[in-house]
């Protein structure tokens, strides 16, 4: 009987596939990571010196006070939630004549109102399907 000799194979680690996997992971994380740039901006808002325009009688007016409370066509809302504002805009739109496809929405916001409150009003108007939005401004004070 012939004796079989078992040969010892030396275990090796192939580095090429390992480097490929690490490189692909590196590319994946570089592409999927968002980079945040934090900057300090000083913004001076422009004053409006445009012409005064008359408001159409079929206009919806949203008033935002400095605390973020809303009034739609001079009717104060019970809270400042977006859903309440959407319901109020839907009610006003349903009572308007149907010949106007998209009435103008005029947002009158206090100068000290939070930007989020104005954006919420614009978002609520968009949710209802009101696409024509205007923001009121005041004329710059004349220097003496």
C-alpha atoms as a PDB file:
ATOM      1  CA  UNK A   1       0.000   0.000   0.000  1.00  0.00           C
ATOM      2  CA  UNK A   2       1.349   3.294  -1.040  1.00  0.00           C
ATOM      3  CA  UNK A   3       1.477   5.897   1.568  1.00  0.00           C
ATOM      4  CA  UNK A   4       0.034   9.184   0.483  1.00  0.00           C
ATOM      5  CA  UNK A   5       1.867  12.121   1.553  1.00  0.00           C
ATOM      6  CA  UNK A   6      -0.173  15.119   2.497  1.00  0.00           C
ATOM      7  CA  UNK A   7       1.407  18.318   1.418  1.00  0.00           C
ATOM      8  CA  UNK A   8       1.186  21.381   3.508  1.00  0.00           C
ATOM      9  CA  UNK A   9      -0.216  24.349   1.704  1.00  0.00           C
ATOM     10  CA  UNK A  10       0.791  27.661   2.988  1.00  0.00           C
ATOM     11  CA  UNK A  11      -2.176  29.990   3.700  1.00  0.00           C
ATOM     12  CA  UNK A  12      -1.932  33.331   1.938  1.00  0.00           C
ATOM     13  CA  UNK A  13      -4.053  36.435   2.069  1.00  0.00           C
ATOM     14  CA  UNK A  14      -4.675  38.127  -1.236  1.00  0.00           C
ATOM     15  CA  UNK A  15      -4.450  41.883  -0.740  1.00  0.00           C
ATOM     16  CA  UNK A  16      -5.780  42.948  -4.137  1.00  0.00           C
ATOM     17  CA  UNK A  17      -9.491  42.092  -3.483  1.00  0.00           C
ATOM     18  CA  UNK A  18      -9.201  43.558   0.026  1.00  0.00           C
ATOM     19  CA  UNK A  19      -7.845  46.839  -1.350  1.00  0.00           C
ATOM     20  CA  UNK A  20     -10.635  46.892  -3.952  1.00  0.00           C
ATOM     21  CA  UNK A  21     -13.315  46.494  -1.277  1.00  0.00           C
ATOM     22  CA  UNK A  22     -11.805  49.197   0.933  1.00  0.00           C
ATOM     23  CA  UNK A  23     -11.553  51.542  -2.059  1.00  0.00           C
ATOM     24  CA  UNK A  24     -15.223  50.956  -2.980  1.00  0.00           C
ATOM     25  CA  UNK A  25     -16.277  51.613   0.628  1.00  0.00           C
ATOM     26  CA  UNK A  26     -14.271  54.821   0.638  1.00  0.00           C
ATOM     27  CA  UNK A  27     -15.947  55.998  -2.570  1.00  0.00           C
ATOM     28  CA  UNK A  28     -19.397  55.085  -1.203  1.00  0.00           C
ATOM     29  CA  UNK A  29     -18.909  57.091   1.988  1.00  0.00           C
ATOM     30  CA  UNK A  30     -17.441  60.061   0.129  1.00  0.00           C
ATOM     31  CA  UNK A  31     -20.421  60.207  -2.232  1.00  0.00           C
ATOM     32  CA  UNK A  32     -23.110  59.647   0.392  1.00  0.00           C
ATOM     33  CA  UNK A  33     -21.752  62.084   2.989  1.00  0.00           C
ATOM     34  CA  UNK A  34     -23.149  65.584   3.034  1.00  0.00           C
ATOM     35  CA  UNK A  35     -20.770  68.365   3.786  1.00  0.00           C
ATOM     36  CA  UNK A  36     -22.057  71.173   5.985  1.00  0.00           C
ATOM     37  CA  UNK A  37     -20.618  74.615   5.537  1.00  0.00           C
ATOM     38  CA  UNK A  38     -21.273  76.792   8.511  1.00  0.00           C
ATOM     39  CA  UNK A  39     -20.977  80.451   7.712  1.00  0.00           C
ATOM     40  CA  UNK A  40     -21.870  83.623   9.498  1.00  0.00           C
ATOM     41  CA  UNK A  41     -23.782  85.914   7.171  1.00  0.00           C
ATOM     42  CA  UNK A  42     -24.813  89.463   7.855  1.00  0.00           C
ATOM     43  CA  UNK A  43     -27.848  90.277   5.776  1.00  0.00           C
ATOM     44  CA  UNK A  44     -29.346  93.693   5.161  1.00  0.00           C
ATOM     45  CA  UNK A  45     -32.800  93.212   3.739  1.00  0.00           C
ATOM     46  CA  UNK A  46     -33.686  95.509   0.850  1.00  0.00           C
ATOM     47  CA  UNK A  47     -36.388  98.107   1.123  1.00  0.00           C
ATOM     48  CA  UNK A  48     -39.131  98.170  -1.440  1.00  0.00           C
ATOM     49  CA  UNK A  49     -39.484 101.345  -3.417  1.00  0.00           C
ATOM     50  CA  UNK A  50     -41.852  99.914  -6.010  1.00  0.00           C
ATOM     51  CA  UNK A  51     -45.161 101.384  -7.011  1.00  0.00           C
ATOM     52  CA  UNK A  52     -48.253 100.894  -4.924  1.00  0.00           C
ATOM     53  CA  UNK A  53     -50.672  98.421  -6.442  1.00  0.00           C
ATOM     54  CA  UNK A  54     -54.366  98.168  -5.826  1.00  0.00           C
ATOM     55  CA  UNK A  55     -55.601  94.955  -4.290  1.00  0.00           C
ATOM     56  CA  UNK A  56     -58.242  93.038  -6.219  1.00  0.00           C
ATOM     57  CA  UNK A  57     -61.504  92.419  -4.303  1.00  0.00           C
ATOM     58  CA  UNK A  58     -61.100  88.644  -4.821  1.00  0.00           C
ATOM     59  CA  UNK A  59     -57.800  88.607  -2.935  1.00  0.00           C
ATOM     60  CA  UNK A  60     -57.120  86.402   0.078  1.00  0.00           C
ATOM     61  CA  UNK A  61     -55.129  88.189   2.783  1.00  0.00           C
ATOM     62  CA  UNK A  62     -53.063  86.343   5.391  1.00  0.00           C
ATOM     63  CA  UNK A  63     -51.838  88.524   8.254  1.00  0.00           C
ATOM     64  CA  UNK A  64     -48.949  87.264  10.414  1.00  0.00           C
ATOM     65  CA  UNK A  65     -48.242  89.117  13.659  1.00  0.00           C
ATOM     66  CA  UNK A  66     -44.933  89.184  15.539  1.00  0.00           C
ATOM     67  CA  UNK A  67     -45.882  86.164  17.689  1.00  0.00           C
ATOM     68  CA  UNK A  68     -46.685  84.047  14.619  1.00  0.00           C
ATOM     69  CA  UNK A  69     -50.484  84.179  14.955  1.00  0.00           C
ATOM     70  CA  UNK A  70     -52.504  84.209  11.726  1.00  0.00           C
ATOM     71  CA  UNK A  71     -55.609  85.976  10.477  1.00  0.00           C
ATOM     72  CA  UNK A  72     -57.210  85.103   7.142  1.00  0.00           C
ATOM     73  CA  UNK A  73     -59.328  87.896   5.641  1.00  0.00           C
ATOM     74  CA  UNK A  74     -59.547  89.634   9.055  1.00  0.00           C
ATOM     75  CA  UNK A  75     -60.628  86.417  10.818  1.00  0.00           C
ATOM     76  CA  UNK A  76     -58.224  85.464  13.630  1.00  0.00           C
ATOM     77  CA  UNK A  77     -57.336  81.765  13.729  1.00  0.00           C
ATOM     78  CA  UNK A  78     -57.456  79.784  16.975  1.00  0.00           C
ATOM     79  CA  UNK A  79     -53.842  78.586  16.703  1.00  0.00           C
ATOM     80  CA  UNK A  80     -50.815  78.910  14.461  1.00  0.00           C
ATOM     81  CA  UNK A  81     -50.743  75.320  13.189  1.00  0.00           C
ATOM     82  CA  UNK A  82     -50.441  74.695   9.455  1.00  0.00           C
ATOM     83  CA  UNK A  83     -53.560  72.479   9.385  1.00  0.00           C
ATOM     84  CA  UNK A  84     -55.696  75.272  10.859  1.00  0.00           C
ATOM     85  CA  UNK A  85     -54.366  77.714   8.279  1.00  0.00           C
ATOM     86  CA  UNK A  86     -55.006  75.230   5.445  1.00  0.00           C
ATOM     87  CA  UNK A  87     -58.625  74.707   6.593  1.00  0.00           C
ATOM     88  CA  UNK A  88     -59.207  78.472   6.811  1.00  0.00           C
ATOM     89  CA  UNK A  89     -57.797  79.000   3.313  1.00  0.00           C
ATOM     90  CA  UNK A  90     -59.973  76.178   1.942  1.00  0.00           C
ATOM     91  CA  UNK A  91     -63.081  77.735   3.506  1.00  0.00           C
ATOM     92  CA  UNK A  92     -62.281  81.157   2.054  1.00  0.00           C
ATOM     93  CA  UNK A  93     -61.570  79.670  -1.359  1.00  0.00           C
ATOM     94  CA  UNK A  94     -64.859  77.732  -1.358  1.00  0.00           C
ATOM     95  CA  UNK A  95     -66.839  80.907  -0.605  1.00  0.00           C
ATOM     96  CA  UNK A  96     -65.204  82.785  -3.485  1.00  0.00           C
ATOM     97  CA  UNK A  97     -66.619  82.796  -6.999  1.00  0.00           C
ATOM     98  CA  UNK A  98     -65.566  79.865  -9.159  1.00  0.00           C
ATOM     99  CA  UNK A  99     -64.621  82.010 -12.177  1.00  0.00           C
ATOM    100  CA  UNK A 100     -61.268  82.788 -10.571  1.00  0.00           C
ATOM    101  CA  UNK A 101     -58.957  79.781 -10.919  1.00  0.00           C
ATOM    102  CA  UNK A 102     -56.234  80.929  -8.565  1.00  0.00           C
ATOM    103  CA  UNK A 103     -56.908  84.081  -6.563  1.00  0.00           C
ATOM    104  CA  UNK A 104     -54.031  86.225  -5.372  1.00  0.00           C
ATOM    105  CA  UNK A 105     -52.827  85.570  -1.828  1.00  0.00           C
ATOM    106  CA  UNK A 106     -51.335  88.595  -0.093  1.00  0.00           C
ATOM    107  CA  UNK A 107     -49.186  87.854   2.955  1.00  0.00           C
ATOM    108  CA  UNK A 108     -48.820  90.792   5.326  1.00  0.00           C
ATOM    109  CA  UNK A 109     -46.241  89.940   7.963  1.00  0.00           C
ATOM    110  CA  UNK A 110     -44.949  91.989  10.867  1.00  0.00           C
ATOM    111  CA  UNK A 111     -41.301  92.972  10.498  1.00  0.00           C
ATOM    112  CA  UNK A 112     -40.492  91.044  13.685  1.00  0.00           C
ATOM    113  CA  UNK A 113     -42.409  87.890  12.651  1.00  0.00           C
ATOM    114  CA  UNK A 114     -40.357  84.736  12.411  1.00  0.00           C
ATOM    115  CA  UNK A 115     -39.375  83.669   8.916  1.00  0.00           C
ATOM    116  CA  UNK A 116     -40.847  80.230   9.671  1.00  0.00           C
ATOM    117  CA  UNK A 117     -44.295  81.780  10.135  1.00  0.00           C
ATOM    118  CA  UNK A 118     -44.177  83.391   6.689  1.00  0.00           C
ATOM    119  CA  UNK A 119     -42.904  80.183   5.074  1.00  0.00           C
ATOM    120  CA  UNK A 120     -45.691  78.226   6.810  1.00  0.00           C
ATOM    121  CA  UNK A 121     -48.258  80.638   5.324  1.00  0.00           C
ATOM    122  CA  UNK A 122     -46.752  80.203   1.857  1.00  0.00           C
ATOM    123  CA  UNK A 123     -46.704  76.422   2.275  1.00  0.00           C
ATOM    124  CA  UNK A 124     -50.350  76.377   3.377  1.00  0.00           C
ATOM    125  CA  UNK A 125     -51.334  78.442   0.335  1.00  0.00           C
ATOM    126  CA  UNK A 126     -49.491  75.996  -1.913  1.00  0.00           C
ATOM    127  CA  UNK A 127     -51.188  73.046  -0.217  1.00  0.00           C
ATOM    128  CA  UNK A 128     -54.612  74.507  -1.026  1.00  0.00           C
ATOM    129  CA  UNK A 129     -53.533  75.130  -4.631  1.00  0.00           C
ATOM    130  CA  UNK A 130     -53.102  78.885  -4.413  1.00  0.00           C
ATOM    131  CA  UNK A 131     -50.080  79.620  -6.564  1.00  0.00           C
ATOM    132  CA  UNK A 132     -50.201  83.408  -6.895  1.00  0.00           C
ATOM    133  CA  UNK A 133     -48.574  84.780  -3.731  1.00  0.00           C
ATOM    134  CA  UNK A 134     -47.509  88.340  -2.970  1.00  0.00           C
ATOM    135  CA  UNK A 135     -45.821  89.771   0.115  1.00  0.00           C
ATOM    136  CA  UNK A 136     -46.566  93.297   1.262  1.00  0.00           C
ATOM    137  CA  UNK A 137     -43.784  95.729   2.120  1.00  0.00           C
ATOM    138  CA  UNK A 138     -43.660  99.309   3.224  1.00  0.00           C
ATOM    139  CA  UNK A 139     -42.096 102.257   1.522  1.00  0.00           C
ATOM    140  CA  UNK A 140     -38.687 103.257   2.911  1.00  0.00           C
ATOM    141  CA  UNK A 141     -38.748 106.148   5.337  1.00  0.00           C
ATOM    142  CA  UNK A 142     -37.569 109.373   3.776  1.00  0.00           C
ATOM    143  CA  UNK A 143     -34.573 110.958   5.426  1.00  0.00           C
ATOM    144  CA  UNK A 144     -34.920 114.605   6.368  1.00  0.00           C
END
